[in-house]
Amino acid sequence: MAAQFVLSYPFRIDPNNHRFATVNSSTDTYKAEQVKSFLRTEKGERVMFPTFGISDPVFHKFNAGEFLETFGEYYSDIPIEEVEIVETSGRLTDIMVKFK
């Protein structure tokens, strides 16, 4: 896939040129934005893509296996190396996603 500039996530205006912010699709920034978008979307939220996202975007019961399987269906060009679930005092506090 040839690199191209796509709208940044989250959507925002670039303060330097007052245009829509974009990111190069071949960069790690793009990959991180796609992971973030996927993790913040609840399945069924996007009518045209009902399986996009995860079942629990507030992470009460995060399922790393579900994330890896579904994310790969949409982003086969972003290979995930590791998903680390960080808990503090028995509560999920962070999810670290490492990609290649």
PDB file of N, CA and C in Angstrom:
ATOM      1  N   MET A   1       0.844  -1.168   0.000  1.00  0.00           N
ATOM      2  CA  MET A   1       0.000   0.000   0.000  1.00  0.00           C
ATOM      3  C   MET A   1       0.894   1.237   0.000  1.00  0.00           C
ATOM      4  N   ALA A   2       0.669   2.124  -0.909  1.00  0.00           N
ATOM      5  CA  ALA A   2       1.442   3.362  -0.991  1.00  0.00           C
ATOM      6  C   ALA A   2       1.017   4.303   0.135  1.00  0.00           C
ATOM      7  N   ALA A   3       1.990   4.995   0.703  1.00  0.00           N
ATOM      8  CA  ALA A   3       1.708   5.939   1.772  1.00  0.00           C
ATOM      9  C   ALA A   3       0.862   7.091   1.237  1.00  0.00           C
ATOM     10  N   GLN A   4      -0.037   7.559   2.063  1.00  0.00           N
ATOM     11  CA  GLN A   4      -0.868   8.691   1.699  1.00  0.00           C
ATOM     12  C   GLN A   4      -1.222   9.461   2.971  1.00  0.00           C
ATOM     13  N   PHE A   5      -1.665  10.676   2.822  1.00  0.00           N
ATOM     14  CA  PHE A   5      -2.093  11.454   3.974  1.00  0.00           C
ATOM     15  C   PHE A   5      -3.581  11.238   4.182  1.00  0.00           C
ATOM     16  N   VAL A   6      -3.942  10.905   5.424  1.00  0.00           N
ATOM     17  CA  VAL A   6      -5.329  10.639   5.795  1.00  0.00           C
ATOM     18  C   VAL A   6      -5.683  11.527   6.987  1.00  0.00           C
ATOM     19  N   LEU A   7      -6.983  11.702   7.242  1.00  0.00           N
ATOM     20  CA  LEU A   7      -7.409  12.498   8.389  1.00  0.00           C
ATOM     21  C   LEU A   7      -6.895  11.883   9.678  1.00  0.00           C
ATOM     22  N   SER A   8      -6.467  12.726  10.568  1.00  0.00           N
ATOM     23  CA  SER A   8      -5.946  12.304  11.855  1.00  0.00           C
ATOM     24  C   SER A   8      -7.094  11.927  12.792  1.00  0.00           C
ATOM     25  N   TYR A   9      -6.820  11.052  13.743  1.00  0.00           N
ATOM     26  CA  TYR A   9      -7.790  10.691  14.768  1.00  0.00           C
ATOM     27  C   TYR A   9      -7.188  11.018  16.124  1.00  0.00           C
ATOM     28  N   PRO A  10      -7.855  11.719  17.001  1.00  0.00           N
ATOM     29  CA  PRO A  10      -9.189  12.258  16.799  1.00  0.00           C
ATOM     30  C   PRO A  10      -9.183  13.435  15.830  1.00  0.00           C
ATOM     31  N   PHE A  11     -10.323  13.635  15.204  1.00  0.00           N
ATOM     32  CA  PHE A  11     -10.472  14.702  14.229  1.00  0.00           C
ATOM     33  C   PHE A  11     -10.180  16.045  14.898  1.00  0.00           C
ATOM     34  N   ARG A  12      -9.375  16.860  14.231  1.00  0.00           N
ATOM     35  CA  ARG A  12      -9.046  18.170  14.776  1.00  0.00           C
ATOM     36  C   ARG A  12      -8.568  19.096  13.660  1.00  0.00           C
ATOM     37  N   ILE A  13      -8.455  20.359  13.977  1.00  0.00           N
ATOM     38  CA  ILE A  13      -7.934  21.353  13.051  1.00  0.00           C
ATOM     39  C   ILE A  13      -6.464  21.597  13.410  1.00  0.00           C
ATOM     40  N   ASP A  14      -5.598  21.605  12.423  1.00  0.00           N
ATOM     41  CA  ASP A  14      -4.180  21.888  12.631  1.00  0.00           C
ATOM     42  C   ASP A  14      -4.023  23.377  12.928  1.00  0.00           C
ATOM     43  N   PRO A  15      -3.508  23.733  14.113  1.00  0.00           N
ATOM     44  CA  PRO A  15      -3.406  25.157  14.466  1.00  0.00           C
ATOM     45  C   PRO A  15      -2.402  25.925  13.612  1.00  0.00           C
ATOM     46  N   ASN A  16      -1.481  25.224  12.949  1.00  0.00           N
ATOM     47  CA  ASN A  16      -0.471  25.893  12.129  1.00  0.00           C
ATOM     48  C   ASN A  16      -1.017  26.400  10.796  1.00  0.00           C
ATOM     49  N   ASN A  17      -1.917  25.618  10.196  1.00  0.00           N
ATOM     50  CA  ASN A  17      -2.422  26.030   8.877  1.00  0.00           C
ATOM     51  C   ASN A  17      -3.951  26.131   8.811  1.00  0.00           C
ATOM     52  N   HIS A  18      -4.623  25.890   9.931  1.00  0.00           N
ATOM     53  CA  HIS A  18      -6.081  26.006  10.035  1.00  0.00           C
ATOM     54  C   HIS A  18      -6.815  25.096   9.041  1.00  0.00           C
ATOM     55  N   ARG A  19      -6.245  23.937   8.807  1.00  0.00           N
ATOM     56  CA  ARG A  19      -6.871  22.916   7.954  1.00  0.00           C
ATOM     57  C   ARG A  19      -7.068  21.653   8.782  1.00  0.00           C
ATOM     58  N   PHE A  20      -7.760  20.703   8.202  1.00  0.00           N
ATOM     59  CA  PHE A  20      -7.926  19.428   8.893  1.00  0.00           C
ATOM     60  C   PHE A  20      -6.558  18.800   9.115  1.00  0.00           C
ATOM     61  N   ALA A  21      -6.332  18.272  10.326  1.00  0.00           N
ATOM     62  CA  ALA A  21      -5.063  17.617  10.628  1.00  0.00           C
ATOM     63  C   ALA A  21      -5.003  16.286   9.893  1.00  0.00           C
ATOM     64  N   THR A  22      -3.850  15.989   9.325  1.00  0.00           N
ATOM     65  CA  THR A  22      -3.652  14.732   8.606  1.00  0.00           C
ATOM     66  C   THR A  22      -2.394  14.047   9.131  1.00  0.00           C
ATOM     67  N   VAL A  23      -2.269  12.783   8.778  1.00  0.00           N
ATOM     68  CA  VAL A  23      -1.106  11.997   9.170  1.00  0.00           C
ATOM     69  C   VAL A  23      -0.737  11.097   8.001  1.00  0.00           C
ATOM     70  N   ASN A  24       0.550  10.837   7.842  1.00  0.00           N
ATOM     71  CA  ASN A  24       1.036   9.955   6.786  1.00  0.00           C
ATOM     72  C   ASN A  24       0.728   8.509   7.173  1.00  0.00           C
ATOM     73  N   SER A  25       0.087   7.771   6.298  1.00  0.00           N
ATOM     74  CA  SER A  25      -0.364   6.407   6.611  1.00  0.00           C
ATOM     75  C   SER A  25       0.777   5.402   6.745  1.00  0.00           C
ATOM     76  N   SER A  26       2.017   5.812   6.511  1.00  0.00           N
ATOM     77  CA  SER A  26       3.137   4.880   6.671  1.00  0.00           C
ATOM     78  C   SER A  26       3.888   5.102   7.983  1.00  0.00           C
ATOM     79  N   THR A  27       3.375   5.977   8.853  1.00  0.00           N
ATOM     80  CA  THR A  27       4.076   6.303  10.089  1.00  0.00           C
ATOM     81  C   THR A  27       3.516   5.560  11.299  1.00  0.00           C
ATOM     82  N   ASP A  28       4.316   5.528  12.372  1.00  0.00           N
ATOM     83  CA  ASP A  28       3.852   4.937  13.622  1.00  0.00           C
ATOM     84  C   ASP A  28       2.720   5.753  14.233  1.00  0.00           C
ATOM     85  N   THR A  29       2.705   7.046  13.979  1.00  0.00           N
ATOM     86  CA  THR A  29       1.619   7.898  14.480  1.00  0.00           C
ATOM     87  C   THR A  29       0.285   7.435  13.908  1.00  0.00           C
ATOM     88  N   TYR A  30       0.265   7.138  12.612  1.00  0.00           N
ATOM     89  CA  TYR A  30      -0.948   6.632  11.970  1.00  0.00           C
ATOM     90  C   TYR A  30      -1.385   5.322  12.622  1.00  0.00           C
ATOM     91  N   LYS A  31      -0.429   4.411  12.816  1.00  0.00           N
ATOM     92  CA  LYS A  31      -0.755   3.113  13.421  1.00  0.00           C
ATOM     93  C   LYS A  31      -1.331   3.297  14.820  1.00  0.00           C
ATOM     94  N   ALA A  32      -0.717   4.171  15.606  1.00  0.00           N
ATOM     95  CA  ALA A  32      -1.201   4.414  16.965  1.00  0.00           C
ATOM     96  C   ALA A  32      -2.608   5.012  16.946  1.00  0.00           C
ATOM     97  N   GLU A  33      -2.867   5.902  16.009  1.00  0.00           N
ATOM     98  CA  GLU A  33      -4.200   6.495  15.902  1.00  0.00           C
ATOM     99  C   GLU A  33      -5.240   5.444  15.536  1.00  0.00           C
ATOM    100  N   GLN A  34      -4.895   4.500  14.688  1.00  0.00           N
ATOM    101  CA  GLN A  34      -5.839   3.454  14.300  1.00  0.00           C
ATOM    102  C   GLN A  34      -6.132   2.527  15.470  1.00  0.00           C
ATOM    103  N   VAL A  35      -5.099   2.190  16.251  1.00  0.00           N
ATOM    104  CA  VAL A  35      -5.297   1.352  17.443  1.00  0.00           C
ATOM    105  C   VAL A  35      -6.203   2.082  18.425  1.00  0.00           C
ATOM    106  N   LYS A  36      -5.934   3.364  18.653  1.00  0.00           N
ATOM    107  CA  LYS A  36      -6.742   4.155  19.582  1.00  0.00           C
ATOM    108  C   LYS A  36      -8.196   4.229  19.119  1.00  0.00           C
ATOM    109  N   SER A  37      -8.400   4.464  17.848  1.00  0.00           N
ATOM    110  CA  SER A  37      -9.751   4.543  17.299  1.00  0.00           C
ATOM    111  C   SER A  37     -10.495   3.230  17.520  1.00  0.00           C
ATOM    112  N   PHE A  38      -9.813   2.129  17.261  1.00  0.00           N
ATOM    113  CA  PHE A  38     -10.430   0.810  17.403  1.00  0.00           C
ATOM    114  C   PHE A  38     -10.802   0.543  18.860  1.00  0.00           C
ATOM    115  N   LEU A  39      -9.891   0.876  19.780  1.00  0.00           N
ATOM    116  CA  LEU A  39     -10.140   0.610  21.200  1.00  0.00           C
ATOM    117  C   LEU A  39     -11.222   1.510  21.793  1.00  0.00           C
ATOM    118  N   ARG A  40     -11.460   2.645  21.193  1.00  0.00           N
ATOM    119  CA  ARG A  40     -12.463   3.577  21.712  1.00  0.00           C
ATOM    120  C   ARG A  40     -13.840   3.395  21.060  1.00  0.00           C
ATOM    121  N   THR A  41     -13.978   2.390  20.225  1.00  0.00           N
ATOM    122  CA  THR A  41     -15.242   2.160  19.519  1.00  0.00           C
ATOM    123  C   THR A  41     -15.894   0.882  20.026  1.00  0.00           C
ATOM    124  N   GLU A  42     -17.165   0.975  20.349  1.00  0.00           N
ATOM    125  CA  GLU A  42     -17.918  -0.202  20.784  1.00  0.00           C
ATOM    126  C   GLU A  42     -18.483  -0.910  19.560  1.00  0.00           C
ATOM    127  N   LYS A  43     -18.388  -2.250  19.569  1.00  0.00           N
ATOM    128  CA  LYS A  43     -18.955  -3.012  18.456  1.00  0.00           C
ATOM    129  C   LYS A  43     -20.406  -2.612  18.250  1.00  0.00           C
ATOM    130  N   GLY A  44     -20.778  -2.433  16.980  1.00  0.00           N
ATOM    131  CA  GLY A  44     -22.133  -2.045  16.641  1.00  0.00           C
ATOM    132  C   GLY A  44     -22.328  -0.537  16.558  1.00  0.00           C
ATOM    133  N   GLU A  45     -21.345   0.219  17.025  1.00  0.00           N
ATOM    134  CA  GLU A  45     -21.452   1.680  17.009  1.00  0.00           C
ATOM    135  C   GLU A  45     -21.407   2.245  15.589  1.00  0.00           C
ATOM    136  N   ARG A  46     -20.633   1.625  14.727  1.00  0.00           N
ATOM    137  CA  ARG A  46     -20.528   2.068  13.334  1.00  0.00           C
ATOM    138  C   ARG A  46     -21.420   1.167  12.481  1.00  0.00           C
ATOM    139  N   VAL A  47     -22.505   1.716  12.008  1.00  0.00           N
ATOM    140  CA  VAL A  47     -23.514   0.937  11.303  1.00  0.00           C
ATOM    141  C   VAL A  47     -22.944   0.213  10.082  1.00  0.00           C
ATOM    142  N   MET A  48     -22.081   0.863   9.326  1.00  0.00           N
ATOM    143  CA  MET A  48     -21.522   0.254   8.114  1.00  0.00           C
ATOM    144  C   MET A  48     -20.473  -0.824   8.436  1.00  0.00           C
ATOM    145  N   PHE A  49     -19.915  -0.788   9.653  1.00  0.00           N
ATOM    146  CA  PHE A  49     -18.900  -1.755  10.070  1.00  0.00           C
ATOM    147  C   PHE A  49     -19.259  -2.266  11.464  1.00  0.00           C
ATOM    148  N   PRO A  50     -20.292  -3.097  11.584  1.00  0.00           N
ATOM    149  CA  PRO A  50     -20.806  -3.482  12.897  1.00  0.00           C
ATOM    150  C   PRO A  50     -19.834  -4.282  13.764  1.00  0.00           C
ATOM    151  N   THR A  51     -18.824  -4.906  13.182  1.00  0.00           N
ATOM    152  CA  THR A  51     -17.868  -5.667  13.999  1.00  0.00           C
ATOM    153  C   THR A  51     -16.619  -4.861  14.336  1.00  0.00           C
ATOM    154  N   PHE A  52     -16.564  -3.591  13.885  1.00  0.00           N
ATOM    155  CA  PHE A  52     -15.420  -2.737  14.188  1.00  0.00           C
ATOM    156  C   PHE A  52     -15.464  -2.340  15.653  1.00  0.00           C
ATOM    157  N   GLY A  53     -14.356  -2.480  16.359  1.00  0.00           N
ATOM    158  CA  GLY A  53     -14.269  -2.078  17.762  1.00  0.00           C
ATOM    159  C   GLY A  53     -14.249  -3.266  18.690  1.00  0.00           C
ATOM    160  N   ILE A  54     -14.416  -2.974  19.968  1.00  0.00           N
ATOM    161  CA  ILE A  54     -14.395  -4.022  20.987  1.00  0.00           C
ATOM    162  C   ILE A  54     -15.714  -3.997  21.755  1.00  0.00           C
ATOM    163  N   SER A  55     -15.999  -5.087  22.452  1.00  0.00           N
ATOM    164  CA  SER A  55     -17.272  -5.202  23.171  1.00  0.00           C
ATOM    165  C   SER A  55     -17.352  -4.281  24.381  1.00  0.00           C
ATOM    166  N   ASP A  56     -16.195  -3.945  24.963  1.00  0.00           N
ATOM    167  CA  ASP A  56     -16.192  -3.163  26.194  1.00  0.00           C
ATOM    168  C   ASP A  56     -15.154  -2.045  26.118  1.00  0.00           C
ATOM    169  N   PRO A  57     -15.465  -0.923  25.411  1.00  0.00           N
ATOM    170  CA  PRO A  57     -14.483   0.147  25.243  1.00  0.00           C
ATOM    171  C   PRO A  57     -14.174   0.936  26.515  1.00  0.00           C
ATOM    172  N   VAL A  58     -14.864   0.652  27.620  1.00  0.00           N
ATOM    173  CA  VAL A  58     -14.508   1.277  28.894  1.00  0.00           C
ATOM    174  C   VAL A  58     -13.672   0.330  29.752  1.00  0.00           C
ATOM    175  N   PHE A  59     -13.374  -0.830  29.205  1.00  0.00           N
ATOM    176  CA  PHE A  59     -12.407  -1.782  29.766  1.00  0.00           C
ATOM    177  C   PHE A  59     -12.771  -2.362  31.125  1.00  0.00           C
ATOM    178  N   HIS A  60     -14.055  -2.592  31.376  1.00  0.00           N
ATOM    179  CA  HIS A  60     -14.410  -3.289  32.606  1.00  0.00           C
ATOM    180  C   HIS A  60     -13.936  -4.739  32.537  1.00  0.00           C
ATOM    181  N   LYS A  61     -14.092  -5.346  31.372  1.00  0.00           N
ATOM    182  CA  LYS A  61     -13.647  -6.729  31.156  1.00  0.00           C
ATOM    183  C   LYS A  61     -13.006  -6.808  29.776  1.00  0.00           C
ATOM    184  N   PHE A  62     -11.829  -6.209  29.634  1.00  0.00           N
ATOM    185  CA  PHE A  62     -11.137  -6.172  28.353  1.00  0.00           C
ATOM    186  C   PHE A  62     -10.685  -7.571  27.951  1.00  0.00           C
ATOM    187  N   ASN A  63     -10.929  -7.933  26.691  1.00  0.00           N
ATOM    188  CA  ASN A  63     -10.548  -9.239  26.159  1.00  0.00           C
ATOM    189  C   ASN A  63      -9.492  -9.022  25.073  1.00  0.00           C
ATOM    190  N   ALA A  64      -8.234  -9.293  25.416  1.00  0.00           N
ATOM    191  CA  ALA A  64      -7.133  -9.070  24.468  1.00  0.00           C
ATOM    192  C   ALA A  64      -7.269  -9.964  23.241  1.00  0.00           C
ATOM    193  N   GLY A  65      -7.753 -11.183  23.409  1.00  0.00           N
ATOM    194  CA  GLY A  65      -7.934 -12.097  22.280  1.00  0.00           C
ATOM    195  C   GLY A  65      -8.943 -11.559  21.282  1.00  0.00           C
ATOM    196  N   GLU A  66     -10.057 -11.055  21.787  1.00  0.00           N
ATOM    197  CA  GLU A  66     -11.076 -10.456  20.914  1.00  0.00           C
ATOM    198  C   GLU A  66     -10.487  -9.259  20.172  1.00  0.00           C
ATOM    199  N   PHE A  67      -9.746  -8.423  20.891  1.00  0.00           N
ATOM    200  CA  PHE A  67      -9.127  -7.254  20.262  1.00  0.00           C
ATOM    201  C   PHE A  67      -8.201  -7.676  19.124  1.00  0.00           C
ATOM    202  N   LEU A  68      -7.308  -8.613  19.390  1.00  0.00           N
ATOM    203  CA  LEU A  68      -6.344  -9.040  18.372  1.00  0.00           C
ATOM    204  C   LEU A  68      -7.036  -9.625  17.144  1.00  0.00           C
ATOM    205  N   GLU A  69      -8.022 -10.458  17.374  1.00  0.00           N
ATOM    206  CA  GLU A  69      -8.727 -11.107  16.263  1.00  0.00           C
ATOM    207  C   GLU A  69      -9.477 -10.092  15.398  1.00  0.00           C
ATOM    208  N   THR A  70     -10.252  -9.245  16.031  1.00  0.00           N
ATOM    209  CA  THR A  70     -11.062  -8.287  15.281  1.00  0.00           C
ATOM    210  C   THR A  70     -10.213  -7.186  14.660  1.00  0.00           C
ATOM    211  N   PHE A  71      -9.201  -6.709  15.374  1.00  0.00           N
ATOM    212  CA  PHE A  71      -8.334  -5.661  14.841  1.00  0.00           C
ATOM    213  C   PHE A  71      -7.646  -6.154  13.575  1.00  0.00           C
ATOM    214  N   GLY A  72      -7.214  -7.398  13.571  1.00  0.00           N
ATOM    215  CA  GLY A  72      -6.547  -7.974  12.400  1.00  0.00           C
ATOM    216  C   GLY A  72      -7.442  -8.048  11.174  1.00  0.00           C
ATOM    217  N   GLU A  73      -8.742  -8.164  11.383  1.00  0.00           N
ATOM    218  CA  GLU A  73      -9.681  -8.190  10.257  1.00  0.00           C
ATOM    219  C   GLU A  73      -9.694  -6.847   9.519  1.00  0.00           C
ATOM    220  N   TYR A  74      -9.520  -5.764  10.253  1.00  0.00           N
ATOM    221  CA  TYR A  74      -9.583  -4.422   9.664  1.00  0.00           C
ATOM    222  C   TYR A  74      -8.210  -3.856   9.312  1.00  0.00           C
ATOM    223  N   TYR A  75      -7.199  -4.244  10.062  1.00  0.00           N
ATOM    224  CA  TYR A  75      -5.865  -3.661   9.871  1.00  0.00           C
ATOM    225  C   TYR A  75      -4.814  -4.757   9.748  1.00  0.00           C
ATOM    226  N   SER A  76      -4.882  -5.517   8.695  1.00  0.00           N
ATOM    227  CA  SER A  76      -3.895  -6.586   8.508  1.00  0.00           C
ATOM    228  C   SER A  76      -2.503  -6.015   8.246  1.00  0.00           C
ATOM    229  N   ASP A  77      -2.422  -4.744   7.863  1.00  0.00           N
ATOM    230  CA  ASP A  77      -1.128  -4.101   7.598  1.00  0.00           C
ATOM    231  C   ASP A  77      -0.477  -3.530   8.852  1.00  0.00           C
ATOM    232  N   ILE A  78      -1.142  -3.651  10.017  1.00  0.00           N
ATOM    233  CA  ILE A  78      -0.575  -3.196  11.285  1.00  0.00           C
ATOM    234  C   ILE A  78      -0.443  -4.404  12.215  1.00  0.00           C
ATOM    235  N   PRO A  79       0.677  -5.126  12.123  1.00  0.00           N
ATOM    236  CA  PRO A  79       0.849  -6.313  12.966  1.00  0.00           C
ATOM    237  C   PRO A  79       1.081  -5.945  14.437  1.00  0.00           C
ATOM    238  N   ILE A  80       0.289  -6.522  15.312  1.00  0.00           N
ATOM    239  CA  ILE A  80       0.405  -6.285  16.752  1.00  0.00           C
ATOM    240  C   ILE A  80       1.395  -7.289  17.333  1.00  0.00           C
ATOM    241  N   GLU A  81       2.373  -6.799  18.084  1.00  0.00           N
ATOM    242  CA  GLU A  81       3.373  -7.649  18.729  1.00  0.00           C
ATOM    243  C   GLU A  81       2.894  -8.141  20.084  1.00  0.00           C
ATOM    244  N   GLU A  82       2.307  -7.220  20.866  1.00  0.00           N
ATOM    245  CA  GLU A  82       1.961  -7.561  22.234  1.00  0.00           C
ATOM    246  C   GLU A  82       0.862  -6.647  22.748  1.00  0.00           C
ATOM    247  N   VAL A  83      -0.011  -7.203  23.588  1.00  0.00           N
ATOM    248  CA  VAL A  83      -1.024  -6.419  24.291  1.00  0.00           C
ATOM    249  C   VAL A  83      -0.791  -6.662  25.774  1.00  0.00           C
ATOM    250  N   GLU A  84      -0.464  -5.594  26.486  1.00  0.00           N
ATOM    251  CA  GLU A  84      -0.200  -5.706  27.920  1.00  0.00           C
ATOM    252  C   GLU A  84      -1.319  -5.011  28.677  1.00  0.00           C
ATOM    253  N   ILE A  85      -1.909  -5.731  29.621  1.00  0.00           N
ATOM    254  CA  ILE A  85      -2.983  -5.187  30.440  1.00  0.00           C
ATOM    255  C   ILE A  85      -2.371  -4.809  31.786  1.00  0.00           C
ATOM    256  N   VAL A  86      -2.465  -3.542  32.150  1.00  0.00           N
ATOM    257  CA  VAL A  86      -1.880  -3.035  33.386  1.00  0.00           C
ATOM    258  C   VAL A  86      -2.995  -2.873  34.412  1.00  0.00           C
ATOM    259  N   GLU A  87      -2.818  -3.516  35.552  1.00  0.00           N
ATOM    260  CA  GLU A  87      -3.804  -3.423  36.625  1.00  0.00           C
ATOM    261  C   GLU A  87      -3.157  -2.848  37.869  1.00  0.00           C
ATOM    262  N   THR A  88      -3.906  -2.033  38.587  1.00  0.00           N
ATOM    263  CA  THR A  88      -3.468  -1.480  39.858  1.00  0.00           C
ATOM    264  C   THR A  88      -4.569  -1.741  40.871  1.00  0.00           C
ATOM    265  N   SER A  89      -4.221  -2.387  41.946  1.00  0.00           N
ATOM    266  CA  SER A  89      -5.190  -2.732  42.997  1.00  0.00           C
ATOM    267  C   SER A  89      -6.366  -3.521  42.437  1.00  0.00           C
ATOM    268  N   GLY A  90      -6.098  -4.414  41.501  1.00  0.00           N
ATOM    269  CA  GLY A  90      -7.133  -5.263  40.941  1.00  0.00           C
ATOM    270  C   GLY A  90      -8.015  -4.607  39.898  1.00  0.00           C
ATOM    271  N   ARG A  91      -7.713  -3.372  39.513  1.00  0.00           N
ATOM    272  CA  ARG A  91      -8.514  -2.668  38.513  1.00  0.00           C
ATOM    273  C   ARG A  91      -7.659  -2.391  37.291  1.00  0.00           C
ATOM    274  N   LEU A  92      -8.244  -2.578  36.134  1.00  0.00           N
ATOM    275  CA  LEU A  92      -7.544  -2.297  34.890  1.00  0.00           C
ATOM    276  C   LEU A  92      -7.319  -0.795  34.787  1.00  0.00           C
ATOM    277  N   THR A  93      -6.061  -0.398  34.618  1.00  0.00           N
ATOM    278  CA  THR A  93      -5.756   1.033  34.553  1.00  0.00           C
ATOM    279  C   THR A  93      -5.212   1.460  33.204  1.00  0.00           C
ATOM    280  N   ASP A  94      -4.680   0.516  32.426  1.00  0.00           N
ATOM    281  CA  ASP A  94      -4.099   0.893  31.143  1.00  0.00           C
ATOM    282  C   ASP A  94      -3.966  -0.331  30.252  1.00  0.00           C
ATOM    283  N   ILE A  95      -3.961  -0.083  28.954  1.00  0.00           N
ATOM    284  CA  ILE A  95      -3.715  -1.134  27.976  1.00  0.00           C
ATOM    285  C   ILE A  95      -2.602  -0.644  27.077  1.00  0.00           C
ATOM    286  N   MET A  96      -1.530  -1.413  27.027  1.00  0.00           N
ATOM    287  CA  MET A  96      -0.369  -1.054  26.202  1.00  0.00           C
ATOM    288  C   MET A  96      -0.370  -1.968  24.977  1.00  0.00           C
ATOM    289  N   VAL A  97      -0.382  -1.388  23.796  1.00  0.00           N
ATOM    290  CA  VAL A  97      -0.383  -2.151  22.558  1.00  0.00           C
ATOM    291  C   VAL A  97       0.920  -1.843  21.822  1.00  0.00           C
ATOM    292  N   LYS A  98       1.704  -2.887  21.588  1.00  0.00           N
ATOM    293  CA  LYS A  98       2.955  -2.713  20.840  1.00  0.00           C
ATOM    294  C   LYS A  98       2.768  -3.274  19.445  1.00  0.00           C
ATOM    295  N   PHE A  99       3.133  -2.482  18.454  1.00  0.00           N
ATOM    296  CA  PHE A  99       2.998  -2.906  17.070  1.00  0.00           C
ATOM    297  C   PHE A  99       4.337  -2.782  16.384  1.00  0.00           C
ATOM    298  N   LYS A 100       4.465  -3.474  15.239  1.00  0.00           N
ATOM    299  CA  LYS A 100       5.727  -3.452  14.500  1.00  0.00           C
ATOM    300  C   LYS A 100       5.797  -2.261  13.603  1.00  0.00           C
TER     301      LYS A 100
END
